[in-house]
Every structure is written in structure tokens, then in C-alpha cells.
Amino acid sequence: MGTSKLIDTHCHLDAAAFDEDRDQAVQLAVEAGVEMMVLPSVLPRNYIDVILASQRYANCCYALGVHPMYLDSVKVTTMKDLDNLVEKTLKVENKLVAVGEIGLDFFETKENQTAQEELFAEQLKIAQRHDLPVILHVRHAVDDVLKHLRRTKVRGGIAHAFNGSMQQAEEFIKLGFKLGFGGAMTYPRATKLRELAEKLPLDAIVLETDAPDMPPEWLEKGSRNSPKELLKIAETIASVRRMSLSQIIEITSKNSMEVLPKLGDLCTRLEVLH
């Protein structure tokens, strides 16, 4: 495949915020040069939403997992059900590219830390068992996430919305991970994020929107983010790194396909169809 197309490695197109115009949101993203969008689930009842969206749109694929902020959705059978669904899905279609969105979130509270870590550990085992990469949520919990990744080796993946230190970034890279950059990095005052975007090895960076969340600097505060904004996010990284937009698109797309091999296969098939 030619790598001149953008890849949004993290967006929630299944969210209710897109119920009125989901078809148009996908079309506008494609028109903006977005080749593929990865839709991570966040809790069991939206597994079907990301699966159906990926079946409806050629430019979408998905990940299955339980987000740490949805612990309340977890029942005794949740992990067994997820394991079975991953196993069955991998046998019948090729659009399941990762286990995610999984991880830890200690931003609002650490009172449920033990339960979060147990959930995360079980999902890492599922990814390991099926040789799938993972899409990680790491808010205010980077070192704890790294601890689990050293304990349960998985096939790399993406640290979504990375906001850690350069040293922590290097630890993720050693473990086979790429780091996701999106709307937060577009704010001029986000000096730490911009320094990371500038100084990290370019082969460690992938692009994301986290739509409908994490709106970039040019959208009105509180407004809905959308996958079509990925082009301007790529332009911001190009500016920060003093590189051409085409170079940024080519390299970050290549990175995405390397770290999510099944996504690479899908992009190749799309290219053949076109």
C-alpha cells in the first residue's frame, strides 16, 4: 500500500454524539485523507456497536476491551465472555485489530486501584493468548501500566493520549509500543506534549483524534471532535517537527500499520480495491 493516507488510531465513532450524522462524519474523514479509523470499545454493551460500525464502513476497524473507568459494567463472566468473543471473531472476520481500550486511570480516584489492576491484568492475558496488540489508556497511571506490561508480555500496541515523561516514553518504546498524539498536543500552551512530539523518535508516533472527545485547539471548547480533524493534527506535528506534512503522514501511517498488523492488512486490501 502507498502510505500517503492518514490513520486515526483511536476514535469512538460509535458514540451517541455521532448518531445524527455518522455517515457524514465518516465521509468527511475520508475526504480529508483518513484511510482508516480504529474504534476501541469501552464496555461490554458497546462491543456490538464497534463491530457493526466496522461492518458498515470499509474505512473502520475495531478493538474489544473494557475501559478502566467502566469498572461498574464488569460482571463475574465479563472476562470469559470477552475472551470467547475475541476467539470467535478472529475466526470469522479480519477487522478486530487489538484488545482495547484497556489500562488504568487514577485521575479521579485511586480508591478502586486494585480492581482496575485486576481488570487490566486479565485483559492483557487475553491479548497475550490471542497474540493481539493492545490499545492502552494510561491517564495518571503510566508507571503502573508499565509494571503490568513487564509482567505480562504482549505484542506491543499504542499508549493512547500519551502524556508522560521522555523516560516513560522510552520504556514504552522498548516494549514495542507506539505513542498516540492528538488534539491535546495542538494547544500552544501544551509545552510538554509538544516537546515530546518534537523530540521522540518519529517511528514511535501515531496519530489519533479520540473523537468525539479531546477537541483540538481550533474547535470551540466543549464542541464535538471528529476524525476529519486528523489532517490538521498531522499539520501541527509537521510544524512542531519542522517537517513536511507528507512525511509526517507517510511515517505515522507506516507506524500504525506496523504496530497493528491486522490494520496494515486492511489498508492493503483497501488499496487493492481502489
C-alpha atoms as a PDB file:
ATOM      1  CA  MET A   1       0.000   0.000   0.000  1.00  0.00           C
ATOM      2  CA  GLY A   2       1.074   3.609  -0.528  1.00  0.00           C
ATOM      3  CA  THR A   3       1.417   5.226   2.883  1.00  0.00           C
ATOM      4  CA  SER A   4       0.192   8.694   1.891  1.00  0.00           C
ATOM      5  CA  LYS A   5      -3.086   8.301   3.788  1.00  0.00           C
ATOM      6  CA  LEU A   6      -3.827   9.193   7.380  1.00  0.00           C
ATOM      7  CA  ILE A   7      -4.780   6.630  10.031  1.00  0.00           C
ATOM      8  CA  ASP A   8      -6.823   7.622  13.085  1.00  0.00           C
ATOM      9  CA  THR A   9      -5.671   5.036  15.609  1.00  0.00           C
ATOM     10  CA  HIS A  10      -8.280   5.995  18.205  1.00  0.00           C
ATOM     11  CA  CYS A  11     -11.793   7.360  17.731  1.00  0.00           C
ATOM     12  CA  HIS A  12     -15.200   6.487  19.134  1.00  0.00           C
ATOM     13  CA  LEU A  13     -17.442   6.789  16.092  1.00  0.00           C
ATOM     14  CA  ASP A  14     -19.966   4.548  17.812  1.00  0.00           C
ATOM     15  CA  ALA A  15     -20.609   7.244  20.448  1.00  0.00           C
ATOM     16  CA  ALA A  16     -24.060   8.807  20.714  1.00  0.00           C
ATOM     17  CA  ALA A  17     -22.541  12.139  19.647  1.00  0.00           C
ATOM     18  CA  PHE A  18     -22.416  10.737  16.090  1.00  0.00           C
ATOM     19  CA  ASP A  19     -25.922   9.252  15.996  1.00  0.00           C
ATOM     20  CA  GLU A  20     -27.323  12.069  13.848  1.00  0.00           C
ATOM     21  CA  ASP A  21     -24.579  12.194  11.205  1.00  0.00           C
ATOM     22  CA  ARG A  22     -22.290   9.158  11.468  1.00  0.00           C
ATOM     23  CA  ASP A  23     -22.304   8.511   7.707  1.00  0.00           C
ATOM     24  CA  GLN A  24     -21.331  12.113   7.040  1.00  0.00           C
ATOM     25  CA  ALA A  25     -18.603  12.059   9.706  1.00  0.00           C
ATOM     26  CA  VAL A  26     -17.021   9.039   8.016  1.00  0.00           C
ATOM     27  CA  GLN A  27     -17.356  10.612   4.573  1.00  0.00           C
ATOM     28  CA  LEU A  28     -15.765  13.889   5.703  1.00  0.00           C
ATOM     29  CA  ALA A  29     -12.898  11.972   7.295  1.00  0.00           C
ATOM     30  CA  VAL A  30     -12.280  10.043   4.077  1.00  0.00           C
ATOM     31  CA  GLU A  31     -12.394  13.277   2.077  1.00  0.00           C
ATOM     32  CA  ALA A  32      -9.777  14.706   4.455  1.00  0.00           C
ATOM     33  CA  GLY A  33      -7.492  11.788   3.587  1.00  0.00           C
ATOM     34  CA  VAL A  34      -8.199   9.455   6.506  1.00  0.00           C
ATOM     35  CA  GLU A  35      -7.637   5.938   5.212  1.00  0.00           C
ATOM     36  CA  MET A  36      -8.653   4.007   8.322  1.00  0.00           C
ATOM     37  CA  MET A  37     -10.224   4.652  11.724  1.00  0.00           C
ATOM     38  CA  VAL A  38      -9.763   2.349  14.726  1.00  0.00           C
ATOM     39  CA  LEU A  39     -12.823   2.155  17.015  1.00  0.00           C
ATOM     40  CA  PRO A  40     -11.953   0.848  20.501  1.00  0.00           C
ATOM     41  CA  SER A  41     -14.822  -0.360  22.683  1.00  0.00           C
ATOM     42  CA  VAL A  42     -15.067   0.843  26.275  1.00  0.00           C
ATOM     43  CA  LEU A  43     -17.556  -1.560  27.901  1.00  0.00           C
ATOM     44  CA  PRO A  44     -19.303  -4.831  27.065  1.00  0.00           C
ATOM     45  CA  ARG A  45     -22.554  -3.338  25.794  1.00  0.00           C
ATOM     46  CA  ASN A  46     -20.771  -1.379  23.078  1.00  0.00           C
ATOM     47  CA  TYR A  47     -18.843  -4.338  21.636  1.00  0.00           C
ATOM     48  CA  ILE A  48     -21.685  -4.759  19.166  1.00  0.00           C
ATOM     49  CA  ASP A  49     -21.615  -1.042  18.282  1.00  0.00           C
ATOM     50  CA  VAL A  50     -17.978  -1.020  17.194  1.00  0.00           C
ATOM     51  CA  ILE A  51     -18.412  -4.320  15.363  1.00  0.00           C
ATOM     52  CA  LEU A  52     -21.460  -3.084  13.433  1.00  0.00           C
ATOM     53  CA  ALA A  53     -19.817   0.251  12.604  1.00  0.00           C
ATOM     54  CA  SER A  54     -16.783  -1.573  11.257  1.00  0.00           C
ATOM     55  CA  GLN A  55     -19.006  -3.808   9.147  1.00  0.00           C
ATOM     56  CA  ARG A  56     -20.881  -0.779   7.782  1.00  0.00           C
ATOM     57  CA  TYR A  57     -17.821   1.304   6.892  1.00  0.00           C
ATOM     58  CA  ALA A  58     -14.922  -0.045   4.847  1.00  0.00           C
ATOM     59  CA  ASN A  59     -12.643   2.540   6.477  1.00  0.00           C
ATOM     60  CA  CYS A  60     -13.282   1.381  10.056  1.00  0.00           C
ATOM     61  CA  CYS A  61     -11.866  -1.431  12.160  1.00  0.00           C
ATOM     62  CA  TYR A  62     -12.127  -2.023  15.902  1.00  0.00           C
ATOM     63  CA  ALA A  63     -10.713  -3.192  19.210  1.00  0.00           C
ATOM     64  CA  LEU A  64     -12.528  -5.007  22.017  1.00  0.00           C
ATOM     65  CA  GLY A  65     -11.949  -4.331  25.690  1.00  0.00           C
ATOM     66  CA  VAL A  66     -13.225  -2.736  28.905  1.00  0.00           C
ATOM     67  CA  HIS A  67     -12.050   0.772  29.801  1.00  0.00           C
ATOM     68  CA  PRO A  68     -10.891   1.215  33.416  1.00  0.00           C
ATOM     69  CA  MET A  69     -13.487   3.929  34.033  1.00  0.00           C
ATOM     70  CA  TYR A  70     -16.268   1.422  33.305  1.00  0.00           C
ATOM     71  CA  LEU A  71     -15.494  -0.968  36.144  1.00  0.00           C
ATOM     72  CA  ASP A  72     -19.163  -0.866  37.116  1.00  0.00           C
ATOM     73  CA  SER A  73     -20.002  -2.700  33.885  1.00  0.00           C
ATOM     74  CA  VAL A  74     -17.851  -5.701  34.846  1.00  0.00           C
ATOM     75  CA  LYS A  75     -19.528  -8.924  35.995  1.00  0.00           C
ATOM     76  CA  VAL A  76     -18.011 -12.239  37.032  1.00  0.00           C
ATOM     77  CA  THR A  77     -18.317 -13.572  33.473  1.00  0.00           C
ATOM     78  CA  THR A  78     -17.097 -10.431  31.656  1.00  0.00           C
ATOM     79  CA  MET A  79     -13.521 -11.588  31.016  1.00  0.00           C
ATOM     80  CA  LYS A  80     -14.570 -15.067  29.896  1.00  0.00           C
ATOM     81  CA  ASP A  81     -17.155 -13.510  27.581  1.00  0.00           C
ATOM     82  CA  LEU A  82     -14.538 -11.153  26.127  1.00  0.00           C
ATOM     83  CA  ASP A  83     -12.065 -13.979  25.609  1.00  0.00           C
ATOM     84  CA  ASN A  84     -14.707 -16.073  23.826  1.00  0.00           C
ATOM     85  CA  LEU A  85     -15.828 -13.150  21.651  1.00  0.00           C
ATOM     86  CA  VAL A  86     -12.251 -12.372  20.603  1.00  0.00           C
ATOM     87  CA  GLU A  87     -11.635 -16.016  19.752  1.00  0.00           C
ATOM     88  CA  LYS A  88     -14.844 -16.353  17.713  1.00  0.00           C
ATOM     89  CA  THR A  89     -14.406 -13.022  15.944  1.00  0.00           C
ATOM     90  CA  LEU A  90     -10.840 -13.734  14.867  1.00  0.00           C
ATOM     91  CA  LYS A  91     -12.096 -16.904  13.152  1.00  0.00           C
ATOM     92  CA  VAL A  92     -14.783 -15.205  11.069  1.00  0.00           C
ATOM     93  CA  GLU A  93     -13.505 -11.714  10.166  1.00  0.00           C
ATOM     94  CA  ASN A  94     -10.375  -9.591   9.938  1.00  0.00           C
ATOM     95  CA  LYS A  95     -11.440  -6.247  11.404  1.00  0.00           C
ATOM     96  CA  LEU A  96     -10.586  -6.938  15.053  1.00  0.00           C
ATOM     97  CA  VAL A  97      -7.114  -5.377  15.266  1.00  0.00           C
ATOM     98  CA  ALA A  98      -6.422  -5.107  19.021  1.00  0.00           C
ATOM     99  CA  VAL A  99      -7.634  -5.565  22.577  1.00  0.00           C
ATOM    100  CA  GLY A 100      -8.697  -2.152  23.855  1.00  0.00           C
ATOM    101  CA  GLU A 101      -9.378   0.334  25.214  1.00  0.00           C
ATOM    102  CA  ILE A 102      -7.819  -1.097  28.351  1.00  0.00           C
ATOM    103  CA  GLY A 103      -5.495   0.197  31.043  1.00  0.00           C
ATOM    104  CA  LEU A 104      -5.561   2.257  34.228  1.00  0.00           C
ATOM    105  CA  ASP A 105      -6.948   5.677  35.179  1.00  0.00           C
ATOM    106  CA  PHE A 106      -6.050   7.244  38.521  1.00  0.00           C
ATOM    107  CA  PHE A 107      -7.018  10.798  37.557  1.00  0.00           C
ATOM    108  CA  GLU A 108     -10.245  10.935  39.538  1.00  0.00           C
ATOM    109  CA  THR A 109      -9.594   8.289  42.184  1.00  0.00           C
ATOM    110  CA  LYS A 110      -7.190   5.574  43.284  1.00  0.00           C
ATOM    111  CA  GLU A 111      -9.707   4.023  45.658  1.00  0.00           C
ATOM    112  CA  ASN A 112     -10.504   1.312  43.103  1.00  0.00           C
ATOM    113  CA  GLN A 113      -6.883   0.754  42.091  1.00  0.00           C
ATOM    114  CA  THR A 114      -6.848  -2.938  42.978  1.00  0.00           C
ATOM    115  CA  ALA A 115      -9.997  -3.646  40.935  1.00  0.00           C
ATOM    116  CA  GLN A 116      -8.646  -1.631  37.986  1.00  0.00           C
ATOM    117  CA  GLU A 117      -5.357  -3.513  38.055  1.00  0.00           C
ATOM    118  CA  GLU A 118      -7.092  -6.895  38.212  1.00  0.00           C
ATOM    119  CA  LEU A 119      -9.242  -5.985  35.198  1.00  0.00           C
ATOM    120  CA  PHE A 120      -6.214  -4.731  33.277  1.00  0.00           C
ATOM    121  CA  ALA A 121      -4.141  -7.820  34.070  1.00  0.00           C
ATOM    122  CA  GLU A 122      -6.890 -10.152  32.861  1.00  0.00           C
ATOM    123  CA  GLN A 123      -7.262  -8.264  29.588  1.00  0.00           C
ATOM    124  CA  LEU A 124      -3.520  -8.320  28.978  1.00  0.00           C
ATOM    125  CA  LYS A 125      -3.697 -12.109  29.329  1.00  0.00           C
ATOM    126  CA  ILE A 126      -6.446 -12.207  26.694  1.00  0.00           C
ATOM    127  CA  ALA A 127      -4.293 -10.141  24.330  1.00  0.00           C
ATOM    128  CA  GLN A 128      -1.335 -12.392  25.014  1.00  0.00           C
ATOM    129  CA  ARG A 129      -3.388 -15.532  24.437  1.00  0.00           C
ATOM    130  CA  HIS A 130      -4.603 -14.320  21.037  1.00  0.00           C
ATOM    131  CA  ASP A 131      -1.339 -12.601  20.044  1.00  0.00           C
ATOM    132  CA  LEU A 132      -3.066  -9.229  19.652  1.00  0.00           C
ATOM    133  CA  PRO A 133      -1.624  -5.778  20.349  1.00  0.00           C
ATOM    134  CA  VAL A 134      -3.353  -3.571  22.928  1.00  0.00           C
ATOM    135  CA  ILE A 135      -4.696  -0.018  22.915  1.00  0.00           C
ATOM    136  CA  LEU A 136      -3.886   1.479  26.291  1.00  0.00           C
ATOM    137  CA  HIS A 137      -5.487   4.115  28.484  1.00  0.00           C
ATOM    138  CA  VAL A 138      -2.763   5.420  30.807  1.00  0.00           C
ATOM    139  CA  ARG A 139      -4.102   8.586  32.489  1.00  0.00           C
ATOM    140  CA  HIS A 140      -2.143   9.414  35.659  1.00  0.00           C
ATOM    141  CA  ALA A 141      -1.037   5.770  35.763  1.00  0.00           C
ATOM    142  CA  VAL A 142       1.902   5.401  33.379  1.00  0.00           C
ATOM    143  CA  ASP A 143       4.318   3.654  35.738  1.00  0.00           C
ATOM    144  CA  ASP A 144       1.636   1.243  36.950  1.00  0.00           C
ATOM    145  CA  VAL A 145       0.709   0.381  33.359  1.00  0.00           C
ATOM    146  CA  LEU A 146       4.371  -0.239  32.539  1.00  0.00           C
ATOM    147  CA  LYS A 147       4.662  -2.541  35.574  1.00  0.00           C
ATOM    148  CA  HIS A 148       1.881  -4.751  34.184  1.00  0.00           C
ATOM    149  CA  LEU A 149       3.334  -4.737  30.665  1.00  0.00           C
ATOM    150  CA  ARG A 150       6.639  -6.028  32.016  1.00  0.00           C
ATOM    151  CA  ARG A 151       4.781  -8.732  33.909  1.00  0.00           C
ATOM    152  CA  THR A 152       2.572  -9.865  31.007  1.00  0.00           C
ATOM    153  CA  LYS A 153       4.338  -9.602  27.660  1.00  0.00           C
ATOM    154  CA  VAL A 154       2.048  -8.657  24.787  1.00  0.00           C
ATOM    155  CA  ARG A 155       2.548  -7.879  21.130  1.00  0.00           C
ATOM    156  CA  GLY A 156       3.075  -4.167  21.688  1.00  0.00           C
ATOM    157  CA  GLY A 157       0.355  -1.667  20.873  1.00  0.00           C
ATOM    158  CA  ILE A 158      -0.441   2.001  21.395  1.00  0.00           C
ATOM    159  CA  ALA A 159      -0.293   4.158  24.526  1.00  0.00           C
ATOM    160  CA  HIS A 160      -3.283   6.362  23.716  1.00  0.00           C
ATOM    161  CA  ALA A 161      -3.149  10.095  24.556  1.00  0.00           C
ATOM    162  CA  PHE A 162       0.376   9.741  25.908  1.00  0.00           C
ATOM    163  CA  ASN A 163       1.299  12.477  28.369  1.00  0.00           C
ATOM    164  CA  GLY A 164       4.199  11.019  30.320  1.00  0.00           C
ATOM    165  CA  SER A 165       7.887  11.824  30.518  1.00  0.00           C
ATOM    166  CA  MET A 166      10.549  11.154  27.902  1.00  0.00           C
ATOM    167  CA  GLN A 167      11.915   8.379  30.126  1.00  0.00           C
ATOM    168  CA  GLN A 168       8.476   6.740  30.356  1.00  0.00           C
ATOM    169  CA  ALA A 169       8.069   7.081  26.594  1.00  0.00           C
ATOM    170  CA  GLU A 170      11.360   5.261  26.102  1.00  0.00           C
ATOM    171  CA  GLU A 171      10.133   2.420  28.328  1.00  0.00           C
ATOM    172  CA  PHE A 172       7.003   2.001  26.191  1.00  0.00           C
ATOM    173  CA  ILE A 173       9.114   2.015  23.038  1.00  0.00           C
ATOM    174  CA  LYS A 174      11.363  -0.721  24.450  1.00  0.00           C
ATOM    175  CA  LEU A 175       8.248  -2.851  24.985  1.00  0.00           C
ATOM    176  CA  GLY A 176       7.169  -2.470  21.357  1.00  0.00           C
ATOM    177  CA  PHE A 177       4.670   0.362  21.772  1.00  0.00           C
ATOM    178  CA  LYS A 178       3.872   3.475  19.774  1.00  0.00           C
ATOM    179  CA  LEU A 179       2.617   6.659  21.422  1.00  0.00           C
ATOM    180  CA  GLY A 180      -0.641   8.324  20.381  1.00  0.00           C
ATOM    181  CA  PHE A 181      -0.794  12.094  19.822  1.00  0.00           C
ATOM    182  CA  GLY A 182      -3.982  14.019  19.158  1.00  0.00           C
ATOM    183  CA  GLY A 183      -5.869  17.180  19.977  1.00  0.00           C
ATOM    184  CA  ALA A 184      -4.178  17.931  23.313  1.00  0.00           C
ATOM    185  CA  MET A 185      -0.858  18.485  21.553  1.00  0.00           C
ATOM    186  CA  THR A 186      -2.332  21.196  19.287  1.00  0.00           C
ATOM    187  CA  TYR A 187      -2.589  23.765  22.098  1.00  0.00           C
ATOM    188  CA  PRO A 188       0.424  26.118  22.115  1.00  0.00           C
ATOM    189  CA  ARG A 189       0.491  26.040  25.923  1.00  0.00           C
ATOM    190  CA  ALA A 190       0.908  22.218  25.910  1.00  0.00           C
ATOM    191  CA  THR A 191       4.667  22.676  26.011  1.00  0.00           C
ATOM    192  CA  LYS A 192       5.494  19.251  27.491  1.00  0.00           C
ATOM    193  CA  LEU A 193       3.442  17.408  24.895  1.00  0.00           C
ATOM    194  CA  ARG A 194       4.890  19.488  22.085  1.00  0.00           C
ATOM    195  CA  GLU A 195       8.406  18.776  23.288  1.00  0.00           C
ATOM    196  CA  LEU A 196       7.628  15.058  23.231  1.00  0.00           C
ATOM    197  CA  ALA A 197       6.117  15.340  19.748  1.00  0.00           C
ATOM    198  CA  GLU A 198       9.239  17.160  18.605  1.00  0.00           C
ATOM    199  CA  LYS A 199      11.928  15.010  20.224  1.00  0.00           C
ATOM    200  CA  LEU A 200      10.596  11.461  20.267  1.00  0.00           C
ATOM    201  CA  PRO A 201      11.834   9.158  17.511  1.00  0.00           C
ATOM    202  CA  LEU A 202       9.382   9.692  14.662  1.00  0.00           C
ATOM    203  CA  ASP A 203       8.950   5.934  14.282  1.00  0.00           C
ATOM    204  CA  ALA A 204       7.365   5.906  17.778  1.00  0.00           C
ATOM    205  CA  ILE A 205       4.492   8.289  16.975  1.00  0.00           C
ATOM    206  CA  VAL A 206       0.972   7.540  15.746  1.00  0.00           C
ATOM    207  CA  LEU A 207      -1.933   9.955  15.249  1.00  0.00           C
ATOM    208  CA  GLU A 208      -5.385   9.900  16.829  1.00  0.00           C
ATOM    209  CA  THR A 209      -8.391  12.109  17.460  1.00  0.00           C
ATOM    210  CA  ASP A 210     -10.222  10.346  20.340  1.00  0.00           C
ATOM    211  CA  ALA A 211     -13.353  11.788  18.697  1.00  0.00           C
ATOM    212  CA  PRO A 212     -15.826  12.920  19.920  1.00  0.00           C
ATOM    213  CA  ASP A 213     -13.538  13.805  22.864  1.00  0.00           C
ATOM    214  CA  MET A 214     -10.246  15.739  23.113  1.00  0.00           C
ATOM    215  CA  PRO A 215     -11.147  18.549  20.682  1.00  0.00           C
ATOM    216  CA  PRO A 216      -8.096  20.275  19.178  1.00  0.00           C
ATOM    217  CA  GLU A 217      -7.234  23.930  19.719  1.00  0.00           C
ATOM    218  CA  TRP A 218      -9.147  25.249  16.686  1.00  0.00           C
ATOM    219  CA  LEU A 219     -12.528  23.842  17.775  1.00  0.00           C
ATOM    220  CA  GLU A 220     -14.765  25.684  20.188  1.00  0.00           C
ATOM    221  CA  LYS A 221     -14.332  24.482  23.769  1.00  0.00           C
ATOM    222  CA  GLY A 222     -16.785  21.687  24.536  1.00  0.00           C
ATOM    223  CA  SER A 223     -17.616  21.057  20.889  1.00  0.00           C
ATOM    224  CA  ARG A 224     -17.534  17.635  19.262  1.00  0.00           C
ATOM    225  CA  ASN A 225     -14.264  16.397  17.878  1.00  0.00           C
ATOM    226  CA  SER A 226     -14.345  14.404  14.631  1.00  0.00           C
ATOM    227  CA  PRO A 227     -11.969  12.111  12.695  1.00  0.00           C
ATOM    228  CA  LYS A 228     -11.669  14.663   9.892  1.00  0.00           C
ATOM    229  CA  GLU A 229      -9.612  16.832  12.272  1.00  0.00           C
ATOM    230  CA  LEU A 230      -6.759  14.327  11.971  1.00  0.00           C
ATOM    231  CA  LEU A 231      -5.376  16.194   8.959  1.00  0.00           C
ATOM    232  CA  LYS A 232      -4.846  19.409  10.940  1.00  0.00           C
ATOM    233  CA  ILE A 233      -3.430  17.398  13.860  1.00  0.00           C
ATOM    234  CA  ALA A 234      -0.878  15.969  11.412  1.00  0.00           C
ATOM    235  CA  GLU A 235      -0.152  19.516  10.200  1.00  0.00           C
ATOM    236  CA  THR A 236       0.550  20.576  13.790  1.00  0.00           C
ATOM    237  CA  ILE A 237       3.042  17.746  14.297  1.00  0.00           C
ATOM    238  CA  ALA A 238       4.673  18.622  10.972  1.00  0.00           C
ATOM    239  CA  SER A 239       5.061  22.214  12.146  1.00  0.00           C
ATOM    240  CA  VAL A 240       6.448  21.205  15.559  1.00  0.00           C
ATOM    241  CA  ARG A 241       8.991  18.882  13.946  1.00  0.00           C
ATOM    242  CA  ARG A 242       9.732  21.237  11.038  1.00  0.00           C
ATOM    243  CA  MET A 243       8.961  18.534   8.506  1.00  0.00           C
ATOM    244  CA  SER A 244       6.644  18.308   5.541  1.00  0.00           C
ATOM    245  CA  LEU A 245       3.071  17.168   6.061  1.00  0.00           C
ATOM    246  CA  SER A 246       3.551  14.363   3.533  1.00  0.00           C
ATOM    247  CA  GLN A 247       6.493  12.995   5.536  1.00  0.00           C
ATOM    248  CA  ILE A 248       4.504  13.013   8.771  1.00  0.00           C
ATOM    249  CA  ILE A 249       1.533  11.275   7.146  1.00  0.00           C
ATOM    250  CA  GLU A 250       3.704   8.644   5.489  1.00  0.00           C
ATOM    251  CA  ILE A 251       5.738   7.792   8.587  1.00  0.00           C
ATOM    252  CA  THR A 252       2.895   7.829  11.137  1.00  0.00           C
ATOM    253  CA  SER A 253       0.729   5.674   8.864  1.00  0.00           C
ATOM    254  CA  LYS A 254       3.572   3.202   8.466  1.00  0.00           C
ATOM    255  CA  ASN A 255       3.992   3.165  12.258  1.00  0.00           C
ATOM    256  CA  SER A 256       0.277   2.455  12.744  1.00  0.00           C
ATOM    257  CA  MET A 257       0.330  -0.471  10.338  1.00  0.00           C
ATOM    258  CA  GLU A 258       3.461  -1.903  11.930  1.00  0.00           C
ATOM    259  CA  VAL A 259       2.106  -1.828  15.474  1.00  0.00           C
ATOM    260  CA  LEU A 260      -1.379  -3.026  14.455  1.00  0.00           C
ATOM    261  CA  PRO A 261      -0.551  -5.644  11.791  1.00  0.00           C
ATOM    262  CA  LYS A 262      -4.176  -6.528  11.031  1.00  0.00           C
ATOM    263  CA  LEU A 263      -4.862  -2.859  10.339  1.00  0.00           C
ATOM    264  CA  GLY A 264      -1.996  -2.945   7.852  1.00  0.00           C
ATOM    265  CA  ASP A 265      -3.631  -5.890   6.104  1.00  0.00           C
ATOM    266  CA  LEU A 266      -6.925  -3.989   5.890  1.00  0.00           C
ATOM    267  CA  CYS A 267      -5.257  -0.917   4.423  1.00  0.00           C
ATOM    268  CA  THR A 268      -3.549  -3.077   1.824  1.00  0.00           C
ATOM    269  CA  ARG A 269      -6.898  -4.600   0.827  1.00  0.00           C
ATOM    270  CA  LEU A 270      -8.493  -1.133   0.565  1.00  0.00           C
ATOM    271  CA  GLU A 271      -5.659  -0.016  -1.685  1.00  0.00           C
ATOM    272  CA  VAL A 272      -6.196  -3.024  -3.932  1.00  0.00           C
ATOM    273  CA  LEU A 273      -9.956  -2.299  -4.121  1.00  0.00           C
ATOM    274  CA  HIS A 274      -9.252   1.281  -5.138  1.00  0.00           C
END
